[in-house]
Amino acid sequence: MLNEENMAKANKPDNNKKPGFKVKFLNLLLVLLGADLVLLFAPGIGILNSVFFIGDVIGWSALILGIALLVLGFRGLYQAR
């Protein structure tokens, strides 16, 4: 009898759920903004640098800022529920 009760509890779908994750909206925006800055302003290979002349100071500072935003955004992106 005891064995049947334990098996009935183990087969319930509520016990087999994985914990969900919550994505922070602000961190997601930081990741997107950082990725845009890196893709647009990377010196020599950025999309805007291939079309327009953008100085090295602006390109490198935007690249460093984009990488910093990526690090800050990925640091707290996911939270367990």
PDB file of N, CA and C in Angstrom:
ATOM      1  N   MET A   1       0.819  -1.187   0.000  1.00  0.00           N
ATOM      2  CA  MET A   1       0.000   0.000   0.000  1.00  0.00           C
ATOM      3  C   MET A   1       0.870   1.261   0.000  1.00  0.00           C
ATOM      4  N   LEU A   2       1.904   1.243   0.806  1.00  0.00           N
ATOM      5  CA  LEU A   2       2.794   2.390   0.885  1.00  0.00           C
ATOM      6  C   LEU A   2       3.525   2.606  -0.440  1.00  0.00           C
ATOM      7  N   ASN A   3       3.888   1.525  -1.078  1.00  0.00           N
ATOM      8  CA  ASN A   3       4.591   1.606  -2.345  1.00  0.00           C
ATOM      9  C   ASN A   3       3.697   2.177  -3.442  1.00  0.00           C
ATOM     10  N   GLU A   4       2.423   1.839  -3.470  1.00  0.00           N
ATOM     11  CA  GLU A   4       1.487   2.357  -4.468  1.00  0.00           C
ATOM     12  C   GLU A   4       1.262   3.855  -4.296  1.00  0.00           C
ATOM     13  N   GLU A   5       1.246   4.333  -3.064  1.00  0.00           N
ATOM     14  CA  GLU A   5       1.052   5.768  -2.827  1.00  0.00           C
ATOM     15  C   GLU A   5       2.241   6.573  -3.330  1.00  0.00           C
ATOM     16  N   ASN A   6       3.447   6.073  -3.121  1.00  0.00           N
ATOM     17  CA  ASN A   6       4.630   6.777  -3.589  1.00  0.00           C
ATOM     18  C   ASN A   6       4.689   6.819  -5.104  1.00  0.00           C
ATOM     19  N   MET A   7       4.269   5.747  -5.765  1.00  0.00           N
ATOM     20  CA  MET A   7       4.273   5.733  -7.224  1.00  0.00           C
ATOM     21  C   MET A   7       3.217   6.681  -7.780  1.00  0.00           C
ATOM     22  N   ALA A   8       2.095   6.796  -7.103  1.00  0.00           N
ATOM     23  CA  ALA A   8       1.052   7.701  -7.572  1.00  0.00           C
ATOM     24  C   ALA A   8       1.513   9.145  -7.466  1.00  0.00           C
ATOM     25  N   LYS A   9       2.259   9.458  -6.446  1.00  0.00           N
ATOM     26  CA  LYS A   9       2.781  10.821  -6.299  1.00  0.00           C
ATOM     27  C   LYS A   9       3.858  11.126  -7.333  1.00  0.00           C
ATOM     28  N   ALA A  10       4.645  10.139  -7.697  1.00  0.00           N
ATOM     29  CA  ALA A  10       5.738  10.366  -8.635  1.00  0.00           C
ATOM     30  C   ALA A  10       5.226  10.585 -10.058  1.00  0.00           C
ATOM     31  N   ASN A  11       4.064  10.073 -10.386  1.00  0.00           N
ATOM     32  CA  ASN A  11       3.556  10.193 -11.748  1.00  0.00           C
ATOM     33  C   ASN A  11       2.760  11.466 -11.990  1.00  0.00           C
ATOM     34  N   LYS A  12       2.575  12.281 -10.988  1.00  0.00           N
ATOM     35  CA  LYS A  12       1.824  13.513 -11.187  1.00  0.00           C
ATOM     36  C   LYS A  12       2.643  14.483 -12.041  1.00  0.00           C
ATOM     37  N   PRO A  13       2.023  15.175 -12.985  1.00  0.00           N
ATOM     38  CA  PRO A  13       2.787  16.100 -13.838  1.00  0.00           C
ATOM     39  C   PRO A  13       3.297  17.325 -13.082  1.00  0.00           C
ATOM     40  N   ASP A  14       2.722  17.680 -11.947  1.00  0.00           N
ATOM     41  CA  ASP A  14       3.176  18.850 -11.195  1.00  0.00           C
ATOM     42  C   ASP A  14       4.574  18.644 -10.620  1.00  0.00           C
ATOM     43  N   ASN A  15       4.926  17.422 -10.317  1.00  0.00           N
ATOM     44  CA  ASN A  15       6.228  17.159  -9.720  1.00  0.00           C
ATOM     45  C   ASN A  15       7.350  17.127 -10.740  1.00  0.00           C
ATOM     46  N   ASN A  16       7.045  17.026 -12.011  1.00  0.00           N
ATOM     47  CA  ASN A  16       8.059  16.878 -13.042  1.00  0.00           C
ATOM     48  C   ASN A  16       8.357  18.176 -13.783  1.00  0.00           C
ATOM     49  N   LYS A  17       7.841  19.294 -13.328  1.00  0.00           N
ATOM     50  CA  LYS A  17       8.071  20.557 -14.014  1.00  0.00           C
ATOM     51  C   LYS A  17       9.462  21.089 -13.706  1.00  0.00           C
ATOM     52  N   LYS A  18      10.072  21.688 -14.716  1.00  0.00           N
ATOM     53  CA  LYS A  18      11.356  22.351 -14.526  1.00  0.00           C
ATOM     54  C   LYS A  18      11.099  23.775 -14.061  1.00  0.00           C
ATOM     55  N   PRO A  19      11.998  24.325 -13.273  1.00  0.00           N
ATOM     56  CA  PRO A  19      11.791  25.721 -12.857  1.00  0.00           C
ATOM     57  C   PRO A  19      11.944  26.653 -14.049  1.00  0.00           C
ATOM     58  N   GLY A  20      11.074  27.631 -14.140  1.00  0.00           N
ATOM     59  CA  GLY A  20      11.119  28.571 -15.244  1.00  0.00           C
ATOM     60  C   GLY A  20      12.095  29.701 -14.986  1.00  0.00           C
ATOM     61  N   PHE A  21      12.416  30.421 -16.046  1.00  0.00           N
ATOM     62  CA  PHE A  21      13.302  31.565 -15.936  1.00  0.00           C
ATOM     63  C   PHE A  21      12.557  32.821 -16.355  1.00  0.00           C
ATOM     64  N   LYS A  22      12.894  33.903 -15.720  1.00  0.00           N
ATOM     65  CA  LYS A  22      12.304  35.191 -16.033  1.00  0.00           C
ATOM     66  C   LYS A  22      13.402  36.068 -16.625  1.00  0.00           C
ATOM     67  N   VAL A  23      13.110  36.723 -17.729  1.00  0.00           N
ATOM     68  CA  VAL A  23      14.078  37.587 -18.383  1.00  0.00           C
ATOM     69  C   VAL A  23      13.777  39.030 -17.986  1.00  0.00           C
ATOM     70  N   LYS A  24      14.783  39.724 -17.501  1.00  0.00           N
ATOM     71  CA  LYS A  24      14.608  41.128 -17.139  1.00  0.00           C
ATOM     72  C   LYS A  24      14.590  41.978 -18.405  1.00  0.00           C
ATOM     73  N   PHE A  25      13.585  42.825 -18.512  1.00  0.00           N
ATOM     74  CA  PHE A  25      13.394  43.630 -19.718  1.00  0.00           C
ATOM     75  C   PHE A  25      14.501  44.664 -19.876  1.00  0.00           C
ATOM     76  N   LEU A  26      14.911  45.321 -18.795  1.00  0.00           N
ATOM     77  CA  LEU A  26      15.959  46.342 -18.876  1.00  0.00           C
ATOM     78  C   LEU A  26      17.289  45.728 -19.305  1.00  0.00           C
ATOM     79  N   ASN A  27      17.605  44.543 -18.789  1.00  0.00           N
ATOM     80  CA  ASN A  27      18.850  43.899 -19.183  1.00  0.00           C
ATOM     81  C   ASN A  27      18.815  43.461 -20.644  1.00  0.00           C
ATOM     82  N   LEU A  28      17.646  43.058 -21.111  1.00  0.00           N
ATOM     83  CA  LEU A  28      17.503  42.711 -22.517  1.00  0.00           C
ATOM     84  C   LEU A  28      17.735  43.928 -23.410  1.00  0.00           C
ATOM     85  N   LEU A  29      17.226  45.075 -22.997  1.00  0.00           N
ATOM     86  CA  LEU A  29      17.466  46.306 -23.750  1.00  0.00           C
ATOM     87  C   LEU A  29      18.938  46.701 -23.738  1.00  0.00           C
ATOM     88  N   LEU A  30      19.617  46.487 -22.608  1.00  0.00           N
ATOM     89  CA  LEU A  30      21.048  46.783 -22.539  1.00  0.00           C
ATOM     90  C   LEU A  30      21.837  45.891 -23.493  1.00  0.00           C
ATOM     91  N   VAL A  31      21.469  44.633 -23.578  1.00  0.00           N
ATOM     92  CA  VAL A  31      22.147  43.719 -24.495  1.00  0.00           C
ATOM     93  C   VAL A  31      21.922  44.149 -25.939  1.00  0.00           C
ATOM     94  N   LEU A  32      20.692  44.498 -26.276  1.00  0.00           N
ATOM     95  CA  LEU A  32      20.396  44.928 -27.648  1.00  0.00           C
ATOM     96  C   LEU A  32      21.115  46.225 -28.002  1.00  0.00           C
ATOM     97  N   LEU A  33      21.146  47.173 -27.086  1.00  0.00           N
ATOM     98  CA  LEU A  33      21.830  48.441 -27.337  1.00  0.00           C
ATOM     99  C   LEU A  33      23.339  48.234 -27.478  1.00  0.00           C
ATOM    100  N   GLY A  34      23.906  47.401 -26.619  1.00  0.00           N
ATOM    101  CA  GLY A  34      25.334  47.119 -26.712  1.00  0.00           C
ATOM    102  C   GLY A  34      25.697  46.422 -28.012  1.00  0.00           C
ATOM    103  N   ALA A  35      24.878  45.476 -28.443  1.00  0.00           N
ATOM    104  CA  ALA A  35      25.146  44.769 -29.701  1.00  0.00           C
ATOM    105  C   ALA A  35      25.032  45.721 -30.895  1.00  0.00           C
ATOM    106  N   ASP A  36      24.065  46.624 -30.842  1.00  0.00           N
ATOM    107  CA  ASP A  36      23.934  47.613 -31.923  1.00  0.00           C
ATOM    108  C   ASP A  36      25.148  48.528 -31.992  1.00  0.00           C
ATOM    109  N   LEU A  37      25.610  48.982 -30.842  1.00  0.00           N
ATOM    110  CA  LEU A  37      26.791  49.849 -30.839  1.00  0.00           C
ATOM    111  C   LEU A  37      28.011  49.137 -31.393  1.00  0.00           C
ATOM    112  N   VAL A  38      28.200  47.896 -31.022  1.00  0.00           N
ATOM    113  CA  VAL A  38      29.354  47.141 -31.516  1.00  0.00           C
ATOM    114  C   VAL A  38      29.244  46.921 -33.018  1.00  0.00           C
ATOM    115  N   LEU A  39      28.072  46.536 -33.505  1.00  0.00           N
ATOM    116  CA  LEU A  39      27.919  46.270 -34.939  1.00  0.00           C
ATOM    117  C   LEU A  39      28.004  47.530 -35.798  1.00  0.00           C
ATOM    118  N   LEU A  40      27.530  48.633 -35.276  1.00  0.00           N
ATOM    119  CA  LEU A  40      27.522  49.854 -36.079  1.00  0.00           C
ATOM    120  C   LEU A  40      28.853  50.596 -36.068  1.00  0.00           C
ATOM    121  N   PHE A  41      29.509  50.662 -34.921  1.00  0.00           N
ATOM    122  CA  PHE A  41      30.650  51.559 -34.783  1.00  0.00           C
ATOM    123  C   PHE A  41      31.998  50.869 -34.648  1.00  0.00           C
ATOM    124  N   ALA A  42      32.101  49.572 -34.806  1.00  0.00           N
ATOM    125  CA  ALA A  42      33.394  48.892 -34.669  1.00  0.00           C
ATOM    126  C   ALA A  42      34.366  49.444 -35.706  1.00  0.00           C
ATOM    127  N   PRO A  43      35.540  49.864 -35.264  1.00  0.00           N
ATOM    128  CA  PRO A  43      36.503  50.470 -36.199  1.00  0.00           C
ATOM    129  C   PRO A  43      36.952  49.478 -37.272  1.00  0.00           C
ATOM    130  N   GLY A  44      36.809  49.885 -38.513  1.00  0.00           N
ATOM    131  CA  GLY A  44      37.254  49.072 -39.638  1.00  0.00           C
ATOM    132  C   GLY A  44      36.217  48.092 -40.164  1.00  0.00           C
ATOM    133  N   ILE A  45      35.352  47.568 -39.328  1.00  0.00           N
ATOM    134  CA  ILE A  45      34.405  46.558 -39.795  1.00  0.00           C
ATOM    135  C   ILE A  45      32.951  46.928 -39.491  1.00  0.00           C
ATOM    136  N   GLY A  46      32.720  48.018 -38.809  1.00  0.00           N
ATOM    137  CA  GLY A  46      31.358  48.417 -38.465  1.00  0.00           C
ATOM    138  C   GLY A  46      30.558  48.833 -39.687  1.00  0.00           C
ATOM    139  N   ILE A  47      29.260  48.720 -39.586  1.00  0.00           N
ATOM    140  CA  ILE A  47      28.392  49.036 -40.718  1.00  0.00           C
ATOM    141  C   ILE A  47      28.453  50.521 -41.053  1.00  0.00           C
ATOM    142  N   LEU A  48      28.399  51.373 -40.052  1.00  0.00           N
ATOM    143  CA  LEU A  48      28.479  52.812 -40.329  1.00  0.00           C
ATOM    144  C   LEU A  48      29.876  53.242 -40.754  1.00  0.00           C
ATOM    145  N   ASN A  49      30.903  52.554 -40.269  1.00  0.00           N
ATOM    146  CA  ASN A  49      32.263  52.888 -40.681  1.00  0.00           C
ATOM    147  C   ASN A  49      32.522  52.513 -42.132  1.00  0.00           C
ATOM    148  N   SER A  50      31.818  51.555 -42.670  1.00  0.00           N
ATOM    149  CA  SER A  50      32.017  51.194 -44.074  1.00  0.00           C
ATOM    150  C   SER A  50      31.302  52.159 -45.013  1.00  0.00           C
ATOM    151  N   VAL A  51      30.277  52.852 -44.515  1.00  0.00           N
ATOM    152  CA  VAL A  51      29.524  53.776 -45.364  1.00  0.00           C
ATOM    153  C   VAL A  51      30.011  55.217 -45.186  1.00  0.00           C
ATOM    154  N   PHE A  52      30.173  55.649 -43.949  1.00  0.00           N
ATOM    155  CA  PHE A  52      30.579  57.013 -43.638  1.00  0.00           C
ATOM    156  C   PHE A  52      31.941  57.007 -42.973  1.00  0.00           C
ATOM    157  N   PHE A  53      32.596  58.176 -43.009  1.00  0.00           N
ATOM    158  CA  PHE A  53      33.845  58.318 -42.267  1.00  0.00           C
ATOM    159  C   PHE A  53      33.510  58.720 -40.834  1.00  0.00           C
ATOM    160  N   ILE A  54      33.811  57.830 -39.917  1.00  0.00           N
ATOM    161  CA  ILE A  54      33.622  58.100 -38.496  1.00  0.00           C
ATOM    162  C   ILE A  54      34.994  58.003 -37.861  1.00  0.00           C
ATOM    163  N   GLY A  55      35.350  58.988 -37.085  1.00  0.00           N
ATOM    164  CA  GLY A  55      36.676  59.028 -36.492  1.00  0.00           C
ATOM    165  C   GLY A  55      36.962  57.852 -35.579  1.00  0.00           C
ATOM    166  N   ASP A  56      38.276  57.644 -35.353  1.00  0.00           N
ATOM    167  CA  ASP A  56      38.697  56.536 -34.498  1.00  0.00           C
ATOM    168  C   ASP A  56      38.272  56.735 -33.049  1.00  0.00           C
ATOM    169  N   VAL A  57      38.232  57.976 -32.604  1.00  0.00           N
ATOM    170  CA  VAL A  57      37.851  58.243 -31.212  1.00  0.00           C
ATOM    171  C   VAL A  57      36.399  57.831 -30.970  1.00  0.00           C
ATOM    172  N   ILE A  58      35.531  58.186 -31.874  1.00  0.00           N
ATOM    173  CA  ILE A  58      34.114  57.830 -31.733  1.00  0.00           C
ATOM    174  C   ILE A  58      33.934  56.318 -31.903  1.00  0.00           C
ATOM    175  N   GLY A  59      34.627  55.742 -32.854  1.00  0.00           N
ATOM    176  CA  GLY A  59      34.497  54.308 -33.098  1.00  0.00           C
ATOM    177  C   GLY A  59      34.957  53.471 -31.916  1.00  0.00           C
ATOM    178  N   TRP A  60      36.133  53.767 -31.376  1.00  0.00           N
ATOM    179  CA  TRP A  60      36.655  52.984 -30.245  1.00  0.00           C
ATOM    180  C   TRP A  60      35.869  53.227 -28.968  1.00  0.00           C
ATOM    181  N   SER A  61      35.454  54.473 -28.743  1.00  0.00           N
ATOM    182  CA  SER A  61      34.667  54.732 -27.522  1.00  0.00           C
ATOM    183  C   SER A  61      33.293  54.054 -27.597  1.00  0.00           C
ATOM    184  N   ALA A  62      32.668  54.044 -28.773  1.00  0.00           N
ATOM    185  CA  ALA A  62      31.385  53.361 -28.927  1.00  0.00           C
ATOM    186  C   ALA A  62      31.562  51.846 -28.799  1.00  0.00           C
ATOM    187  N   LEU A  63      32.684  51.321 -29.287  1.00  0.00           N
ATOM    188  CA  LEU A  63      32.953  49.890 -29.151  1.00  0.00           C
ATOM    189  C   LEU A  63      33.132  49.501 -27.682  1.00  0.00           C
ATOM    190  N   ILE A  64      33.884  50.286 -26.940  1.00  0.00           N
ATOM    191  CA  ILE A  64      34.094  50.007 -25.517  1.00  0.00           C
ATOM    192  C   ILE A  64      32.788  50.146 -24.743  1.00  0.00           C
ATOM    193  N   LEU A  65      32.009  51.171 -25.048  1.00  0.00           N
ATOM    194  CA  LEU A  65      30.712  51.351 -24.396  1.00  0.00           C
ATOM    195  C   LEU A  65      29.761  50.198 -24.729  1.00  0.00           C
ATOM    196  N   GLY A  66      29.770  49.731 -25.978  1.00  0.00           N
ATOM    197  CA  GLY A  66      28.921  48.610 -26.375  1.00  0.00           C
ATOM    198  C   GLY A  66      29.298  47.322 -25.661  1.00  0.00           C
ATOM    199  N   ILE A  67      30.592  47.072 -25.519  1.00  0.00           N
ATOM    200  CA  ILE A  67      31.032  45.871 -24.801  1.00  0.00           C
ATOM    201  C   ILE A  67      30.657  45.962 -23.332  1.00  0.00           C
ATOM    202  N   ALA A  68      30.796  47.150 -22.738  1.00  0.00           N
ATOM    203  CA  ALA A  68      30.411  47.325 -21.331  1.00  0.00           C
ATOM    204  C   ALA A  68      28.908  47.104 -21.142  1.00  0.00           C
ATOM    205  N   LEU A  69      28.098  47.596 -22.076  1.00  0.00           N
ATOM    206  CA  LEU A  69      26.654  47.379 -21.988  1.00  0.00           C
ATOM    207  C   LEU A  69      26.299  45.902 -22.153  1.00  0.00           C
ATOM    208  N   LEU A  70      27.011  45.202 -23.010  1.00  0.00           N
ATOM    209  CA  LEU A  70      26.785  43.771 -23.165  1.00  0.00           C
ATOM    210  C   LEU A  70      27.098  43.015 -21.870  1.00  0.00           C
ATOM    211  N   VAL A  71      28.205  43.372 -21.237  1.00  0.00           N
ATOM    212  CA  VAL A  71      28.578  42.698 -19.987  1.00  0.00           C
ATOM    213  C   VAL A  71      27.548  42.984 -18.899  1.00  0.00           C
ATOM    214  N   LEU A  72      27.136  44.243 -18.768  1.00  0.00           N
ATOM    215  CA  LEU A  72      26.134  44.593 -17.762  1.00  0.00           C
ATOM    216  C   LEU A  72      24.784  43.942 -18.047  1.00  0.00           C
ATOM    217  N   GLY A  73      24.424  43.847 -19.309  1.00  0.00           N
ATOM    218  CA  GLY A  73      23.140  43.261 -19.665  1.00  0.00           C
ATOM    219  C   GLY A  73      23.096  41.760 -19.440  1.00  0.00           C
ATOM    220  N   PHE A  74      24.171  41.052 -19.802  1.00  0.00           N
ATOM    221  CA  PHE A  74      24.175  39.595 -19.626  1.00  0.00           C
ATOM    222  C   PHE A  74      24.360  39.187 -18.181  1.00  0.00           C
ATOM    223  N   ARG A  75      24.891  40.085 -17.347  1.00  0.00           N
ATOM    224  CA  ARG A  75      25.162  39.730 -15.952  1.00  0.00           C
ATOM    225  C   ARG A  75      23.879  39.355 -15.201  1.00  0.00           C
ATOM    226  N   GLY A  76      22.809  40.082 -15.368  1.00  0.00           N
ATOM    227  CA  GLY A  76      21.584  39.785 -14.632  1.00  0.00           C
ATOM    228  C   GLY A  76      20.390  39.545 -15.532  1.00  0.00           C
ATOM    229  N   LEU A  77      20.632  38.956 -16.702  1.00  0.00           N
ATOM    230  CA  LEU A  77      19.560  38.793 -17.679  1.00  0.00           C
ATOM    231  C   LEU A  77      18.510  37.790 -17.237  1.00  0.00           C
ATOM    232  N   TYR A  78      18.929  36.644 -16.717  1.00  0.00           N
ATOM    233  CA  TYR A  78      18.002  35.587 -16.338  1.00  0.00           C
ATOM    234  C   TYR A  78      17.836  35.522 -14.835  1.00  0.00           C
ATOM    235  N   GLN A  79      16.603  35.277 -14.398  1.00  0.00           N
ATOM    236  CA  GLN A  79      16.291  35.065 -12.989  1.00  0.00           C
ATOM    237  C   GLN A  79      15.427  33.817 -12.883  1.00  0.00           C
ATOM    238  N   ALA A  80      15.693  33.021 -11.854  1.00  0.00           N
ATOM    239  CA  ALA A  80      14.846  31.851 -11.606  1.00  0.00           C
ATOM    240  C   ALA A  80      13.548  32.322 -10.983  1.00  0.00           C
ATOM    241  N   ARG A  81      12.467  31.655 -11.330  1.00  0.00           N
ATOM    242  CA  ARG A  81      11.167  32.039 -10.785  1.00  0.00           C
ATOM    243  C   ARG A  81      10.990  31.557  -9.408  1.00  0.00           C
TER     244      ARG A  81
END
